[in-house]
Amino acid sequence: MTELLEQAFTQASKFSEMEQNLLAKRILAEMDSEQHWNRAFARSEDLLSQLADEALAEHRAGKTKRLEPDNL
């Protein structure tokens, strides 16, 4: 365990039981979300590569316009 994580847990250990449980739920949900996105991106790598190739081909063919945020 890193020193920073140890510091975080030491501080969290001073919280009430309810606050510790809330913090634990948030941490677990964040880690689950991160794993979900990692799996989703891993499965979509080929599709993302294909979409990127299509976008570059459209740009090279002059089918794109410069983004002008003030005109959105």
C-alpha atoms as a PDB file:
ATOM      1  CA  MET A   1       0.000   0.000   0.000  1.00  0.00           C
ATOM      2  CA  THR A   2       1.324   3.445  -0.849  1.00  0.00           C
ATOM      3  CA  GLU A   3       2.081   6.021   1.812  1.00  0.00           C
ATOM      4  CA  LEU A   4      -0.607   8.326   0.465  1.00  0.00           C
ATOM      5  CA  LEU A   5      -3.264   5.607   0.593  1.00  0.00           C
ATOM      6  CA  GLU A   6      -2.200   4.754   4.148  1.00  0.00           C
ATOM      7  CA  GLN A   7      -2.638   8.422   5.090  1.00  0.00           C
ATOM      8  CA  ALA A   8      -6.105   8.436   3.548  1.00  0.00           C
ATOM      9  CA  PHE A   9      -7.137   5.309   5.464  1.00  0.00           C
ATOM     10  CA  THR A  10      -5.676   6.680   8.704  1.00  0.00           C
ATOM     11  CA  GLN A  11      -7.745   9.818   8.283  1.00  0.00           C
ATOM     12  CA  ALA A  12     -10.834   7.845   7.295  1.00  0.00           C
ATOM     13  CA  SER A  13     -10.479   5.649  10.383  1.00  0.00           C
ATOM     14  CA  LYS A  14     -11.353   8.728  12.456  1.00  0.00           C
ATOM     15  CA  PHE A  15     -14.753   8.998  10.764  1.00  0.00           C
ATOM     16  CA  SER A  16     -17.888   7.556  12.295  1.00  0.00           C
ATOM     17  CA  GLU A  17     -18.901   4.065  11.204  1.00  0.00           C
ATOM     18  CA  MET A  18     -21.598   5.507   8.962  1.00  0.00           C
ATOM     19  CA  GLU A  19     -19.154   7.919   7.281  1.00  0.00           C
ATOM     20  CA  GLN A  20     -16.616   5.128   6.787  1.00  0.00           C
ATOM     21  CA  ASN A  21     -19.263   2.953   5.142  1.00  0.00           C
ATOM     22  CA  LEU A  22     -20.319   5.815   2.854  1.00  0.00           C
ATOM     23  CA  LEU A  23     -16.704   6.437   1.874  1.00  0.00           C
ATOM     24  CA  ALA A  24     -16.119   2.725   1.272  1.00  0.00           C
ATOM     25  CA  LYS A  25     -19.195   2.531  -0.957  1.00  0.00           C
ATOM     26  CA  ARG A  26     -17.993   5.523  -2.986  1.00  0.00           C
ATOM     27  CA  ILE A  27     -14.512   4.046  -3.394  1.00  0.00           C
ATOM     28  CA  LEU A  28     -15.892   0.648  -4.434  1.00  0.00           C
ATOM     29  CA  ALA A  29     -18.320   2.262  -6.879  1.00  0.00           C
ATOM     30  CA  GLU A  30     -15.501   4.310  -8.401  1.00  0.00           C
ATOM     31  CA  MET A  31     -13.301   1.235  -8.824  1.00  0.00           C
ATOM     32  CA  ASP A  32     -16.202  -0.705 -10.354  1.00  0.00           C
ATOM     33  CA  SER A  33     -16.894   2.163 -12.748  1.00  0.00           C
ATOM     34  CA  GLU A  34     -13.231   2.315 -13.760  1.00  0.00           C
ATOM     35  CA  GLN A  35     -13.193  -1.428 -14.466  1.00  0.00           C
ATOM     36  CA  HIS A  36     -16.414  -1.095 -16.467  1.00  0.00           C
ATOM     37  CA  TRP A  37     -14.925   1.619 -18.688  1.00  0.00           C
ATOM     38  CA  ASN A  38     -11.661  -0.310 -19.113  1.00  0.00           C
ATOM     39  CA  ARG A  39     -13.595  -3.369 -20.300  1.00  0.00           C
ATOM     40  CA  ALA A  40     -15.808  -1.261 -22.576  1.00  0.00           C
ATOM     41  CA  PHE A  41     -12.840   0.466 -24.206  1.00  0.00           C
ATOM     42  CA  ALA A  42     -10.964  -2.811 -24.600  1.00  0.00           C
ATOM     43  CA  ARG A  43     -13.933  -4.320 -26.444  1.00  0.00           C
ATOM     44  CA  SER A  44     -14.398  -1.243 -28.615  1.00  0.00           C
ATOM     45  CA  GLU A  45     -10.779  -0.740 -29.656  1.00  0.00           C
ATOM     46  CA  ASP A  46     -11.342  -2.046 -33.196  1.00  0.00           C
ATOM     47  CA  LEU A  47     -14.497   0.025 -33.633  1.00  0.00           C
ATOM     48  CA  LEU A  48     -12.793   3.173 -32.353  1.00  0.00           C
ATOM     49  CA  SER A  49      -9.882   2.593 -34.716  1.00  0.00           C
ATOM     50  CA  GLN A  50     -12.296   2.169 -37.630  1.00  0.00           C
ATOM     51  CA  LEU A  51     -14.175   5.345 -36.707  1.00  0.00           C
ATOM     52  CA  ALA A  52     -10.901   7.255 -36.435  1.00  0.00           C
ATOM     53  CA  ASP A  53      -9.834   6.030 -39.889  1.00  0.00           C
ATOM     54  CA  GLU A  54     -13.193   7.118 -41.333  1.00  0.00           C
ATOM     55  CA  ALA A  55     -12.933  10.539 -39.712  1.00  0.00           C
ATOM     56  CA  LEU A  56      -9.420  11.058 -41.069  1.00  0.00           C
ATOM     57  CA  ALA A  57     -10.518   9.982 -44.551  1.00  0.00           C
ATOM     58  CA  GLU A  58     -13.414  12.457 -44.458  1.00  0.00           C
ATOM     59  CA  HIS A  59     -11.056  15.216 -43.314  1.00  0.00           C
ATOM     60  CA  ARG A  60      -8.559  14.450 -46.075  1.00  0.00           C
ATOM     61  CA  ALA A  61     -11.414  14.472 -48.607  1.00  0.00           C
ATOM     62  CA  GLY A  62     -12.379  17.980 -47.481  1.00  0.00           C
ATOM     63  CA  LYS A  63     -15.678  16.878 -45.954  1.00  0.00           C
ATOM     64  CA  THR A  64     -15.031  18.444 -42.554  1.00  0.00           C
ATOM     65  CA  LYS A  65     -15.273  21.992 -41.228  1.00  0.00           C
ATOM     66  CA  ARG A  66     -13.223  23.754 -38.598  1.00  0.00           C
ATOM     67  CA  LEU A  67     -15.051  23.836 -35.267  1.00  0.00           C
ATOM     68  CA  GLU A  68     -16.028  27.354 -34.297  1.00  0.00           C
ATOM     69  CA  PRO A  69     -17.452  27.201 -30.743  1.00  0.00           C
ATOM     70  CA  ASP A  70     -18.850  30.745 -30.995  1.00  0.00           C
ATOM     71  CA  ASN A  71     -21.073  29.641 -33.878  1.00  0.00           C
ATOM     72  CA  LEU A  72     -22.560  26.551 -32.253  1.00  0.00           C
END
